[in-house]
Every structure is written in structure tokens, then in C-alpha cells.
N, C-alpha and C. Protein backbone atom coordinates (compact mmCIF):
# COMPACT_ATOMS: atom_id res chain seq x y z
N MET A 1 -10.34 -5.28 5.97
CA MET A 1 -9.66 -5.70 7.20
C MET A 1 -8.95 -7.04 6.98
N TYR A 2 -7.78 -7.15 7.53
CA TYR A 2 -6.99 -8.36 7.39
C TYR A 2 -6.99 -9.17 8.69
N LEU A 3 -6.93 -10.48 8.56
CA LEU A 3 -6.70 -11.33 9.71
C LEU A 3 -5.24 -11.18 10.13
N GLU A 4 -4.97 -11.34 11.41
CA GLU A 4 -3.60 -11.18 11.89
C GLU A 4 -2.64 -12.14 11.20
N SER A 5 -3.13 -13.31 10.83
CA SER A 5 -2.28 -14.30 10.16
C SER A 5 -1.87 -13.85 8.75
N ASP A 6 -2.56 -12.85 8.22
CA ASP A 6 -2.26 -12.35 6.88
C ASP A 6 -1.43 -11.07 6.89
N TYR A 7 -1.04 -10.60 8.08
CA TYR A 7 -0.23 -9.39 8.16
C TYR A 7 1.11 -9.62 7.47
N ILE A 8 1.64 -8.56 6.87
CA ILE A 8 2.99 -8.61 6.31
C ILE A 8 3.86 -7.61 7.06
N MET A 9 5.16 -7.83 7.01
CA MET A 9 6.08 -6.95 7.69
C MET A 9 6.22 -5.63 6.93
N LEU A 10 6.37 -4.55 7.67
CA LEU A 10 6.60 -3.26 7.04
C LEU A 10 7.82 -3.29 6.13
N SER A 11 8.84 -4.03 6.52
CA SER A 11 10.05 -4.11 5.72
C SER A 11 9.80 -4.72 4.35
N ALA A 12 8.73 -5.52 4.23
CA ALA A 12 8.42 -6.16 2.95
C ALA A 12 8.11 -5.13 1.87
N LEU A 13 7.59 -3.98 2.27
CA LEU A 13 7.25 -2.95 1.30
C LEU A 13 8.49 -2.44 0.59
N GLN A 14 9.56 -2.22 1.36
CA GLN A 14 10.79 -1.75 0.75
C GLN A 14 11.45 -2.85 -0.07
N HIS A 15 11.40 -4.07 0.42
CA HIS A 15 11.94 -5.19 -0.34
C HIS A 15 11.21 -5.33 -1.68
N TYR A 16 9.90 -5.17 -1.67
CA TYR A 16 9.11 -5.29 -2.89
C TYR A 16 9.48 -4.21 -3.89
N GLN A 17 9.66 -2.98 -3.40
CA GLN A 17 9.99 -1.88 -4.31
C GLN A 17 11.39 -2.01 -4.89
N PHE A 18 12.31 -2.58 -4.10
CA PHE A 18 13.66 -2.82 -4.62
C PHE A 18 13.62 -3.89 -5.69
N CYS A 19 12.89 -4.99 -5.39
CA CYS A 19 12.80 -6.10 -6.34
C CYS A 19 11.75 -7.09 -5.83
N PRO A 20 10.66 -7.31 -6.59
CA PRO A 20 9.65 -8.27 -6.16
C PRO A 20 10.22 -9.66 -5.89
N ARG A 21 11.23 -10.06 -6.66
CA ARG A 21 11.84 -11.37 -6.43
C ARG A 21 12.55 -11.40 -5.08
N GLN A 22 13.26 -10.32 -4.76
CA GLN A 22 13.91 -10.25 -3.44
C GLN A 22 12.87 -10.36 -2.33
N CYS A 23 11.77 -9.65 -2.50
CA CYS A 23 10.69 -9.69 -1.50
C CYS A 23 10.17 -11.12 -1.33
N ALA A 24 9.98 -11.82 -2.45
CA ALA A 24 9.48 -13.19 -2.38
C ALA A 24 10.49 -14.13 -1.75
N LEU A 25 11.76 -13.98 -2.09
CA LEU A 25 12.79 -14.84 -1.51
C LEU A 25 12.83 -14.68 0.01
N ILE A 26 12.66 -13.45 0.48
CA ILE A 26 12.73 -13.19 1.93
C ILE A 26 11.43 -13.59 2.63
N HIS A 27 10.30 -13.15 2.09
CA HIS A 27 9.04 -13.26 2.84
C HIS A 27 8.20 -14.49 2.46
N ILE A 28 8.54 -15.14 1.35
CA ILE A 28 7.86 -16.40 1.00
C ILE A 28 8.78 -17.58 1.26
N GLU A 29 10.02 -17.51 0.75
CA GLU A 29 10.95 -18.63 0.88
C GLU A 29 11.80 -18.55 2.14
N GLN A 30 11.70 -17.43 2.88
CA GLN A 30 12.44 -17.26 4.15
C GLN A 30 13.96 -17.33 3.94
N GLN A 31 14.44 -16.75 2.84
CA GLN A 31 15.87 -16.69 2.56
C GLN A 31 16.43 -15.36 3.07
N TRP A 32 17.65 -15.38 3.56
CA TRP A 32 18.29 -14.14 4.00
C TRP A 32 19.80 -14.31 4.01
N ALA A 33 20.50 -13.23 3.72
CA ALA A 33 21.96 -13.22 3.78
C ALA A 33 22.40 -11.79 4.03
N GLU A 34 23.53 -11.65 4.71
CA GLU A 34 24.07 -10.33 5.01
C GLU A 34 25.12 -9.94 3.99
N ASN A 35 25.22 -8.64 3.72
CA ASN A 35 26.37 -8.11 3.01
C ASN A 35 26.78 -6.81 3.69
N ARG A 36 27.72 -6.09 3.11
CA ARG A 36 28.22 -4.87 3.76
C ARG A 36 27.10 -3.87 4.01
N PHE A 37 26.18 -3.74 3.05
CA PHE A 37 25.13 -2.74 3.17
C PHE A 37 24.13 -3.10 4.27
N THR A 38 23.74 -4.37 4.35
CA THR A 38 22.80 -4.77 5.40
C THR A 38 23.47 -4.72 6.77
N ALA A 39 24.78 -5.05 6.82
CA ALA A 39 25.51 -5.01 8.09
C ALA A 39 25.62 -3.58 8.60
N GLU A 40 25.90 -2.63 7.69
CA GLU A 40 25.98 -1.23 8.10
C GLU A 40 24.62 -0.73 8.58
N GLY A 41 23.56 -1.14 7.90
CA GLY A 41 22.23 -0.76 8.33
C GLY A 41 21.88 -1.33 9.69
N LYS A 42 22.31 -2.57 9.92
CA LYS A 42 22.07 -3.22 11.21
C LYS A 42 22.77 -2.48 12.34
N VAL A 43 24.01 -2.06 12.11
CA VAL A 43 24.77 -1.32 13.13
C VAL A 43 24.07 0.00 13.43
N LEU A 44 23.60 0.69 12.39
CA LEU A 44 22.90 1.97 12.59
C LEU A 44 21.65 1.77 13.43
N HIS A 45 20.88 0.72 13.14
CA HIS A 45 19.65 0.49 13.89
C HIS A 45 19.93 0.05 15.33
N GLU A 46 21.03 -0.66 15.53
CA GLU A 46 21.38 -1.05 16.90
C GLU A 46 21.65 0.16 17.77
N CYS A 47 22.12 1.23 17.16
CA CYS A 47 22.38 2.47 17.91
C CYS A 47 21.07 3.15 18.29
N VAL A 48 20.02 2.88 17.51
CA VAL A 48 18.72 3.52 17.73
C VAL A 48 17.79 2.64 18.55
N ASP A 49 17.81 1.32 18.27
CA ASP A 49 16.85 0.39 18.87
C ASP A 49 17.20 0.09 20.32
N SER A 50 16.66 0.84 21.22
CA SER A 50 16.96 0.65 22.64
C SER A 50 15.72 0.32 23.46
N ASN A 51 14.54 0.35 22.81
CA ASN A 51 13.27 0.10 23.52
C ASN A 51 13.07 1.08 24.67
N LYS A 52 13.66 2.26 24.56
CA LYS A 52 13.57 3.23 25.65
C LYS A 52 12.64 4.37 25.28
N SER A 53 12.07 4.96 26.31
CA SER A 53 11.26 6.17 26.17
C SER A 53 11.92 7.26 27.00
N GLU A 54 12.09 8.43 26.42
CA GLU A 54 12.73 9.52 27.15
C GLU A 54 12.10 10.85 26.76
N TRP A 55 12.32 11.84 27.60
CA TRP A 55 11.84 13.18 27.31
C TRP A 55 13.00 14.03 26.84
N VAL A 56 12.80 14.70 25.72
CA VAL A 56 13.77 15.68 25.22
C VAL A 56 13.03 17.01 25.17
N GLY A 57 13.24 17.83 26.19
CA GLY A 57 12.43 19.03 26.34
C GLY A 57 11.00 18.62 26.63
N ASP A 58 10.07 19.11 25.82
CA ASP A 58 8.66 18.73 26.01
C ASP A 58 8.22 17.68 24.99
N VAL A 59 9.19 16.99 24.40
CA VAL A 59 8.89 15.94 23.41
C VAL A 59 9.22 14.57 24.01
N ARG A 60 8.23 13.69 24.00
CA ARG A 60 8.47 12.31 24.45
C ARG A 60 8.96 11.51 23.25
N VAL A 61 10.15 10.91 23.36
CA VAL A 61 10.76 10.15 22.28
C VAL A 61 10.69 8.66 22.63
N VAL A 62 9.97 7.90 21.81
CA VAL A 62 9.83 6.46 22.03
C VAL A 62 10.59 5.73 20.92
N ARG A 63 11.47 4.83 21.32
CA ARG A 63 12.29 4.11 20.35
C ARG A 63 11.81 2.66 20.20
N THR A 64 11.96 2.13 19.00
CA THR A 64 11.58 0.75 18.68
C THR A 64 10.14 0.47 19.11
N LEU A 65 9.22 1.26 18.61
CA LEU A 65 7.81 1.15 18.98
C LEU A 65 7.10 0.13 18.09
N PRO A 66 6.54 -0.96 18.66
CA PRO A 66 5.78 -1.91 17.85
C PRO A 66 4.52 -1.25 17.29
N ILE A 67 4.28 -1.41 16.01
CA ILE A 67 3.10 -0.82 15.39
C ILE A 67 2.45 -1.84 14.46
N CYS A 68 1.16 -1.63 14.16
CA CYS A 68 0.46 -2.53 13.25
C CYS A 68 -0.78 -1.83 12.70
N SER A 69 -1.37 -2.44 11.69
CA SER A 69 -2.61 -1.94 11.11
C SER A 69 -3.46 -3.10 10.66
N GLN A 70 -4.66 -3.19 11.19
CA GLN A 70 -5.59 -4.23 10.76
C GLN A 70 -6.16 -3.88 9.39
N CYS A 71 -6.36 -2.59 9.15
CA CYS A 71 -6.92 -2.13 7.89
C CYS A 71 -6.02 -2.47 6.71
N PHE A 72 -4.70 -2.29 6.90
CA PHE A 72 -3.75 -2.52 5.81
C PHE A 72 -2.96 -3.82 5.97
N GLY A 73 -3.18 -4.55 7.05
CA GLY A 73 -2.51 -5.83 7.23
C GLY A 73 -1.02 -5.70 7.38
N LEU A 74 -0.57 -4.80 8.26
CA LEU A 74 0.85 -4.52 8.44
C LEU A 74 1.26 -4.71 9.89
N SER A 75 2.51 -5.09 10.10
CA SER A 75 3.07 -5.12 11.45
C SER A 75 4.57 -4.88 11.35
N GLY A 76 5.12 -4.38 12.44
CA GLY A 76 6.56 -4.10 12.47
C GLY A 76 6.87 -3.17 13.60
N GLN A 77 7.86 -2.33 13.40
CA GLN A 77 8.20 -1.38 14.44
C GLN A 77 8.71 -0.09 13.80
N ALA A 78 8.51 0.99 14.53
CA ALA A 78 9.02 2.29 14.12
C ALA A 78 10.31 2.55 14.88
N ASP A 79 11.34 3.00 14.18
CA ASP A 79 12.62 3.28 14.85
C ASP A 79 12.43 4.27 15.98
N VAL A 80 11.80 5.40 15.66
CA VAL A 80 11.57 6.46 16.65
C VAL A 80 10.22 7.11 16.36
N VAL A 81 9.45 7.35 17.40
CA VAL A 81 8.23 8.15 17.27
C VAL A 81 8.28 9.25 18.32
N GLU A 82 8.14 10.48 17.86
CA GLU A 82 8.14 11.64 18.77
C GLU A 82 6.70 12.06 19.05
N PHE A 83 6.39 12.23 20.32
CA PHE A 83 5.08 12.71 20.74
C PHE A 83 5.26 14.12 21.30
N HIS A 84 4.77 15.11 20.55
CA HIS A 84 4.96 16.50 20.93
C HIS A 84 3.83 16.99 21.84
N ALA A 85 4.12 18.08 22.55
CA ALA A 85 3.17 18.61 23.53
C ALA A 85 1.86 19.07 22.88
N ASP A 86 1.92 19.47 21.63
CA ASP A 86 0.71 19.94 20.94
C ASP A 86 -0.12 18.81 20.34
N GLY A 87 0.29 17.55 20.62
CA GLY A 87 -0.44 16.40 20.12
C GLY A 87 0.11 15.83 18.83
N THR A 88 1.13 16.47 18.26
CA THR A 88 1.73 15.99 17.02
C THR A 88 2.45 14.66 17.23
N VAL A 89 2.18 13.71 16.36
CA VAL A 89 2.88 12.42 16.37
C VAL A 89 3.79 12.41 15.14
N TYR A 90 5.09 12.15 15.36
CA TYR A 90 6.10 12.36 14.31
C TYR A 90 7.04 11.16 14.23
N PRO A 91 6.84 10.26 13.25
CA PRO A 91 7.73 9.10 13.11
C PRO A 91 9.05 9.47 12.44
N VAL A 92 10.12 8.82 12.87
CA VAL A 92 11.44 9.04 12.28
C VAL A 92 12.04 7.67 11.95
N GLU A 93 12.41 7.48 10.69
CA GLU A 93 13.01 6.23 10.24
C GLU A 93 14.49 6.46 9.94
N TYR A 94 15.34 5.55 10.41
CA TYR A 94 16.79 5.67 10.21
C TYR A 94 17.23 4.80 9.05
N LYS A 95 18.02 5.40 8.14
CA LYS A 95 18.54 4.70 6.98
C LYS A 95 20.05 4.83 6.92
N ARG A 96 20.69 3.78 6.37
CA ARG A 96 22.15 3.71 6.35
C ARG A 96 22.79 4.75 5.44
N GLY A 97 22.29 4.88 4.22
CA GLY A 97 23.00 5.66 3.21
C GLY A 97 22.52 7.08 3.03
N LYS A 98 22.06 7.39 1.82
CA LYS A 98 21.61 8.74 1.49
C LYS A 98 20.27 8.64 0.78
N PRO A 99 19.56 9.76 0.59
CA PRO A 99 18.25 9.71 -0.08
C PRO A 99 18.32 9.00 -1.43
N LYS A 100 17.30 8.19 -1.71
CA LYS A 100 17.26 7.41 -2.94
C LYS A 100 16.47 8.15 -4.03
N LYS A 101 16.68 7.72 -5.27
CA LYS A 101 15.99 8.35 -6.39
C LYS A 101 14.52 7.97 -6.43
N ASN A 102 14.20 6.76 -5.96
CA ASN A 102 12.79 6.37 -5.93
C ASN A 102 12.17 6.75 -4.58
N HIS A 103 10.95 6.29 -4.36
CA HIS A 103 10.22 6.69 -3.15
C HIS A 103 10.09 5.57 -2.13
N CYS A 104 10.97 4.57 -2.18
CA CYS A 104 10.80 3.41 -1.29
C CYS A 104 10.91 3.79 0.19
N ASP A 105 11.82 4.68 0.54
CA ASP A 105 11.94 5.09 1.95
C ASP A 105 10.71 5.88 2.39
N GLU A 106 10.24 6.76 1.51
CA GLU A 106 9.05 7.56 1.84
C GLU A 106 7.83 6.66 2.03
N VAL A 107 7.71 5.62 1.20
CA VAL A 107 6.59 4.69 1.31
C VAL A 107 6.63 3.94 2.63
N GLN A 108 7.81 3.48 3.03
CA GLN A 108 7.93 2.77 4.30
C GLN A 108 7.55 3.67 5.47
N LEU A 109 7.99 4.92 5.42
CA LEU A 109 7.67 5.86 6.49
C LEU A 109 6.18 6.19 6.51
N CYS A 110 5.60 6.37 5.32
CA CYS A 110 4.17 6.66 5.24
C CYS A 110 3.34 5.49 5.76
N ALA A 111 3.80 4.27 5.50
CA ALA A 111 3.10 3.09 6.01
C ALA A 111 3.12 3.08 7.54
N GLN A 112 4.22 3.53 8.12
CA GLN A 112 4.28 3.66 9.58
C GLN A 112 3.24 4.67 10.06
N ALA A 113 3.13 5.77 9.32
CA ALA A 113 2.15 6.80 9.69
C ALA A 113 0.73 6.24 9.63
N LEU A 114 0.43 5.42 8.63
CA LEU A 114 -0.90 4.80 8.52
C LEU A 114 -1.18 3.92 9.73
N CYS A 115 -0.16 3.19 10.17
CA CYS A 115 -0.32 2.35 11.36
C CYS A 115 -0.58 3.20 12.60
N LEU A 116 0.20 4.24 12.76
CA LEU A 116 0.05 5.12 13.94
C LEU A 116 -1.31 5.80 13.94
N GLU A 117 -1.78 6.22 12.78
CA GLU A 117 -3.10 6.86 12.70
C GLU A 117 -4.20 5.92 13.15
N GLU A 118 -4.11 4.67 12.73
CA GLU A 118 -5.12 3.69 13.11
C GLU A 118 -5.03 3.33 14.59
N MET A 119 -3.82 3.17 15.10
CA MET A 119 -3.63 2.76 16.49
C MET A 119 -4.00 3.86 17.48
N LEU A 120 -3.66 5.10 17.12
CA LEU A 120 -3.81 6.20 18.07
C LEU A 120 -4.98 7.13 17.76
N ASN A 121 -5.66 6.87 16.63
CA ASN A 121 -6.77 7.71 16.21
C ASN A 121 -6.35 9.17 16.11
N VAL A 122 -5.26 9.40 15.40
CA VAL A 122 -4.73 10.75 15.19
C VAL A 122 -4.43 10.94 13.71
N GLN A 123 -4.16 12.17 13.33
CA GLN A 123 -3.72 12.50 11.99
C GLN A 123 -2.21 12.71 12.03
N VAL A 124 -1.48 11.96 11.23
CA VAL A 124 -0.02 12.11 11.17
C VAL A 124 0.31 12.77 9.83
N ASP A 125 0.68 14.02 9.88
CA ASP A 125 0.87 14.79 8.64
C ASP A 125 2.28 14.69 8.06
N SER A 126 3.26 14.43 8.90
CA SER A 126 4.64 14.39 8.41
C SER A 126 5.52 13.55 9.32
N GLY A 127 6.70 13.23 8.82
CA GLY A 127 7.69 12.49 9.58
C GLY A 127 9.06 12.81 8.99
N ALA A 128 10.06 12.02 9.33
CA ALA A 128 11.40 12.31 8.84
C ALA A 128 12.19 11.04 8.58
N LEU A 129 13.07 11.13 7.60
CA LEU A 129 14.04 10.07 7.31
C LEU A 129 15.41 10.59 7.71
N PHE A 130 16.10 9.85 8.59
CA PHE A 130 17.45 10.24 9.00
C PHE A 130 18.44 9.35 8.25
N TYR A 131 19.30 9.97 7.46
CA TYR A 131 20.27 9.23 6.67
C TYR A 131 21.64 9.27 7.33
N GLY A 132 22.17 8.07 7.62
CA GLY A 132 23.44 7.96 8.32
C GLY A 132 24.60 8.57 7.57
N GLN A 133 24.57 8.49 6.24
CA GLN A 133 25.68 9.02 5.45
C GLN A 133 25.73 10.55 5.53
N ARG A 134 24.58 11.19 5.59
CA ARG A 134 24.52 12.65 5.65
C ARG A 134 24.33 13.17 7.07
N LYS A 135 23.92 12.27 7.95
CA LYS A 135 23.71 12.59 9.37
C LYS A 135 22.78 13.79 9.57
N ARG A 136 21.70 13.78 8.81
CA ARG A 136 20.67 14.80 9.03
C ARG A 136 19.32 14.27 8.55
N ARG A 137 18.27 14.92 9.01
CA ARG A 137 16.92 14.49 8.69
C ARG A 137 16.43 15.09 7.37
N LYS A 138 15.57 14.33 6.72
CA LYS A 138 14.84 14.83 5.56
C LYS A 138 13.37 14.73 5.89
N GLU A 139 12.68 15.85 5.99
CA GLU A 139 11.27 15.82 6.38
C GLU A 139 10.40 15.38 5.20
N ILE A 140 9.43 14.54 5.51
CA ILE A 140 8.52 13.99 4.51
C ILE A 140 7.08 14.36 4.86
N GLN A 141 6.38 14.94 3.90
CA GLN A 141 4.97 15.26 4.08
C GLN A 141 4.12 14.10 3.54
N PHE A 142 3.19 13.64 4.33
CA PHE A 142 2.32 12.54 3.91
C PHE A 142 1.12 13.10 3.16
N ASP A 143 1.38 13.57 1.95
CA ASP A 143 0.31 14.15 1.15
C ASP A 143 -0.51 13.06 0.46
N ALA A 144 -1.53 13.48 -0.28
CA ALA A 144 -2.44 12.52 -0.91
C ALA A 144 -1.71 11.60 -1.89
N ALA A 145 -0.79 12.16 -2.66
CA ALA A 145 -0.08 11.36 -3.67
C ALA A 145 0.75 10.26 -3.01
N LEU A 146 1.47 10.59 -1.94
CA LEU A 146 2.29 9.58 -1.25
C LEU A 146 1.41 8.54 -0.58
N ARG A 147 0.29 8.96 -0.03
CA ARG A 147 -0.63 8.00 0.62
C ARG A 147 -1.19 7.01 -0.40
N ILE A 148 -1.56 7.51 -1.58
CA ILE A 148 -2.09 6.62 -2.62
C ILE A 148 -1.02 5.65 -3.09
N LEU A 149 0.20 6.17 -3.31
CA LEU A 149 1.31 5.30 -3.72
C LEU A 149 1.58 4.23 -2.67
N THR A 150 1.58 4.63 -1.41
CA THR A 150 1.85 3.69 -0.32
C THR A 150 0.78 2.60 -0.26
N GLN A 151 -0.47 2.98 -0.39
CA GLN A 151 -1.55 1.99 -0.36
C GLN A 151 -1.48 1.05 -1.55
N ASP A 152 -1.07 1.56 -2.70
CA ASP A 152 -0.90 0.71 -3.88
C ASP A 152 0.21 -0.32 -3.65
N ILE A 153 1.34 0.14 -3.09
CA ILE A 153 2.47 -0.76 -2.83
C ILE A 153 2.08 -1.81 -1.79
N ILE A 154 1.33 -1.40 -0.77
CA ILE A 154 0.87 -2.35 0.25
C ILE A 154 0.02 -3.45 -0.41
N SER A 155 -0.90 -3.04 -1.27
CA SER A 155 -1.79 -3.99 -1.95
C SER A 155 -0.99 -4.94 -2.85
N GLU A 156 -0.04 -4.40 -3.61
CA GLU A 156 0.76 -5.23 -4.51
C GLU A 156 1.63 -6.22 -3.74
N THR A 157 2.17 -5.77 -2.61
CA THR A 157 3.02 -6.64 -1.80
C THR A 157 2.20 -7.77 -1.19
N HIS A 158 1.02 -7.45 -0.71
CA HIS A 158 0.11 -8.48 -0.20
C HIS A 158 -0.19 -9.52 -1.28
N GLN A 159 -0.49 -9.06 -2.49
CA GLN A 159 -0.83 -9.97 -3.58
C GLN A 159 0.33 -10.91 -3.90
N LEU A 160 1.56 -10.34 -3.91
CA LEU A 160 2.72 -11.18 -4.20
C LEU A 160 2.91 -12.25 -3.14
N ILE A 161 2.88 -11.86 -1.87
CA ILE A 161 3.14 -12.81 -0.78
C ILE A 161 2.01 -13.84 -0.69
N GLN A 162 0.78 -13.41 -0.88
CA GLN A 162 -0.34 -14.35 -0.81
C GLN A 162 -0.33 -15.34 -1.97
N SER A 163 0.28 -14.94 -3.09
CA SER A 163 0.35 -15.84 -4.23
C SER A 163 1.26 -17.04 -3.96
N GLY A 164 2.25 -16.83 -3.07
CA GLY A 164 3.19 -17.89 -2.75
C GLY A 164 4.16 -18.20 -3.87
N LYS A 165 4.22 -17.34 -4.88
CA LYS A 165 5.06 -17.59 -6.05
C LYS A 165 6.22 -16.58 -6.12
N THR A 166 7.41 -17.08 -6.35
CA THR A 166 8.58 -16.23 -6.48
C THR A 166 8.78 -15.87 -7.96
N PRO A 167 8.84 -14.58 -8.28
CA PRO A 167 9.04 -14.17 -9.67
C PRO A 167 10.37 -14.67 -10.22
N PRO A 168 10.47 -14.87 -11.53
CA PRO A 168 11.73 -15.33 -12.12
C PRO A 168 12.83 -14.29 -11.99
N GLU A 169 14.07 -14.75 -12.02
CA GLU A 169 15.21 -13.86 -11.89
C GLU A 169 15.41 -13.05 -13.17
N GLU A 170 15.90 -11.84 -12.99
CA GLU A 170 16.21 -10.97 -14.12
C GLU A 170 17.29 -9.99 -13.67
N TYR A 171 18.44 -10.06 -14.29
CA TYR A 171 19.58 -9.26 -13.83
C TYR A 171 19.40 -7.77 -14.12
N ASP A 172 19.81 -6.95 -13.14
CA ASP A 172 19.84 -5.50 -13.26
C ASP A 172 21.06 -5.02 -12.48
N LYS A 173 21.55 -3.85 -12.77
CA LYS A 173 22.74 -3.33 -12.09
C LYS A 173 22.57 -3.31 -10.57
N LYS A 174 21.35 -3.03 -10.10
CA LYS A 174 21.12 -2.97 -8.66
C LYS A 174 21.31 -4.32 -7.99
N CYS A 175 21.26 -5.41 -8.78
CA CYS A 175 21.45 -6.74 -8.22
C CYS A 175 22.79 -6.87 -7.51
N ASP A 176 23.80 -6.10 -7.97
CA ASP A 176 25.15 -6.20 -7.40
C ASP A 176 25.20 -5.73 -5.95
N THR A 177 24.21 -4.94 -5.51
CA THR A 177 24.18 -4.46 -4.13
C THR A 177 23.26 -5.29 -3.24
N CYS A 178 22.61 -6.30 -3.83
CA CYS A 178 21.63 -7.09 -3.08
C CYS A 178 22.33 -8.17 -2.26
N SER A 179 21.94 -8.33 -1.02
CA SER A 179 22.55 -9.33 -0.14
C SER A 179 22.20 -10.75 -0.58
N LEU A 180 21.15 -10.89 -1.40
CA LEU A 180 20.73 -12.22 -1.86
C LEU A 180 21.29 -12.56 -3.24
N LEU A 181 22.29 -11.84 -3.70
CA LEU A 181 22.84 -12.04 -5.03
C LEU A 181 23.27 -13.48 -5.26
N GLN A 182 23.97 -14.08 -4.28
CA GLN A 182 24.48 -15.44 -4.44
C GLN A 182 23.38 -16.49 -4.32
N ILE A 183 22.26 -16.11 -3.73
CA ILE A 183 21.11 -17.03 -3.64
C ILE A 183 20.28 -16.94 -4.91
N CYS A 184 20.06 -15.72 -5.36
CA CYS A 184 19.25 -15.49 -6.56
C CYS A 184 20.00 -15.86 -7.83
N MET A 185 21.28 -15.49 -7.91
CA MET A 185 22.16 -15.76 -9.06
C MET A 185 21.51 -15.36 -10.39
N PRO A 186 21.12 -14.10 -10.53
CA PRO A 186 20.44 -13.67 -11.77
C PRO A 186 21.31 -13.75 -13.01
N LYS A 187 22.63 -13.51 -12.86
CA LYS A 187 23.51 -13.57 -14.03
C LYS A 187 23.62 -14.99 -14.56
N SER A 188 23.79 -15.97 -13.68
CA SER A 188 23.93 -17.36 -14.10
C SER A 188 22.67 -17.86 -14.79
N CYS A 189 21.53 -17.51 -14.19
CA CYS A 189 20.27 -17.98 -14.77
C CYS A 189 20.01 -17.30 -16.10
N GLY A 190 20.40 -16.03 -16.20
CA GLY A 190 20.23 -15.32 -17.45
C GLY A 190 21.08 -15.94 -18.53
N ALA A 191 22.32 -16.34 -18.17
CA ALA A 191 23.20 -16.98 -19.14
C ALA A 191 22.63 -18.31 -19.59
N ALA A 192 22.06 -19.06 -18.64
CA ALA A 192 21.46 -20.35 -18.97
C ALA A 192 20.31 -20.19 -19.96
N ARG A 193 19.52 -19.14 -19.77
CA ARG A 193 18.41 -18.89 -20.69
C ARG A 193 18.93 -18.53 -22.07
N SER A 194 20.03 -17.75 -22.12
CA SER A 194 20.62 -17.37 -23.40
C SER A 194 21.10 -18.60 -24.16
N VAL A 195 21.75 -19.52 -23.45
CA VAL A 195 22.21 -20.76 -24.07
C VAL A 195 21.03 -21.57 -24.59
N SER A 196 19.97 -21.61 -23.78
CA SER A 196 18.78 -22.36 -24.16
C SER A 196 18.17 -21.79 -25.43
N ARG A 197 18.09 -20.44 -25.51
CA ARG A 197 17.54 -19.80 -26.70
C ARG A 197 18.42 -20.09 -27.93
N TYR A 198 19.74 -20.03 -27.70
CA TYR A 198 20.68 -20.30 -28.80
C TYR A 198 20.49 -21.72 -29.34
N MET A 199 20.39 -22.69 -28.44
CA MET A 199 20.23 -24.08 -28.85
C MET A 199 18.91 -24.28 -29.58
N ASN A 200 17.87 -23.60 -29.13
CA ASN A 200 16.58 -23.71 -29.79
C ASN A 200 16.65 -23.18 -31.22
N ARG A 201 17.37 -22.06 -31.38
CA ARG A 201 17.50 -21.50 -32.72
C ARG A 201 18.28 -22.46 -33.62
N MET A 202 19.39 -23.03 -33.07
CA MET A 202 20.21 -23.94 -33.87
C MET A 202 19.46 -25.19 -34.29
N LEU A 203 18.53 -25.62 -33.43
CA LEU A 203 17.76 -26.83 -33.71
C LEU A 203 16.45 -26.54 -34.40
N GLY A 204 16.26 -25.26 -34.71
CA GLY A 204 15.04 -24.88 -35.42
C GLY A 204 13.83 -24.78 -34.53
N GLY A 205 14.07 -24.58 -33.21
CA GLY A 205 12.95 -24.51 -32.29
C GLY A 205 12.28 -23.16 -32.28
N ASP A 206 12.96 -22.10 -32.77
CA ASP A 206 12.37 -20.76 -32.78
C ASP A 206 11.79 -20.46 -34.15
């Protein structure tokens, strides 16, 4: 069980999976910057985040639902949670682009399911990711493998944030899409290290 002061944001899980350094810059150093990708995501969520509850047939649709978990030390909000007449609880997360090659979106959605299970004392078997680029849902089953992966990512993210240490920069192609590129400056720092290594070799330091 976690103290409320030790809770981390659900969004930190996706930041961690994209890049631990990005996660630390945002959640330890409180750095943030917008780019085209974050702006598009913000617009998409503004269309969804209405704090409204409505009935669609026999399904109650709750938008921007605050959720948390004491067991996993998480807090945040779910874009949409559907409450069906048969008792099914079904979270839906909205994403700007298209399905990713890794499981970061699935992990974030599964973490929401873990929160809902703890809060409502129910079993949440599946949910959906809605991708703005494709404008359709992708259903996700919260099987044992995804649950284990999600719990591992939660634990690793907690350890990083509790350490209070930001990992060193290291350039990768995905850095070009990161909104913190100009803050992190991985290319510049990488070049500086290369010069340092070169000078050490020339001076016989290696």
C-alpha cells in the first residue's frame, strides 16, 4: 500500500515506457513543453473531457472520471468509462495517432482497469483504445501477461521517481518526436561526450 503523497500519475507510466529520462524530466524536474504531437493529443482530449455523464441506450457513459489505486500508488483520470447494464465496467482511452508497436497504450489502459477494480470492487476484463487517426476502437483484453507487464512498469516507474535522479541523455530516433527535445538536447550532449572521449584518447587518458 502506498501513502497518498507517494502516488504517481497514470500518465507517468507512458512517459516512462517512451523514455525514462523523459519521465524524470516531467515528473521529477517538472519540465514540460508542447509540440505538434502533444497539441494534437490535447485537442483530441478536449473533445472528450467534458466531465459529463450520459446514457447511451442502456449504457451509462462517464467522461473524465477521477480514478486512483492505493495498492499501486496511482492517480489520474479515465477518458471514458462505460457502465453496462450487465455490470460490465469498460474503460476507453483516447489516443491521437495510431496503434503503436510497443505496449505502452495497453499498459496505461490496464493500469486504469486496476484502479477501477480496486475502487469499485469489480473485475474489469477488457477495455478499448480509440485512435484519432483511424477513428475506431481497438479492444484490449486484460489478460495475465498484460497485467504482469503493467505491474512491472508501475513498480519501475515508482522506483525512478522515488530515486529523484534523472537518467543521462542518450539520443534515439524517437527523440525527434519528443516535446522535450530542446530541453533534453540529447544530440548536443552526445556530441560533447564524443569530443571528451576524443580528447582523452589524444592525451592518453584512455
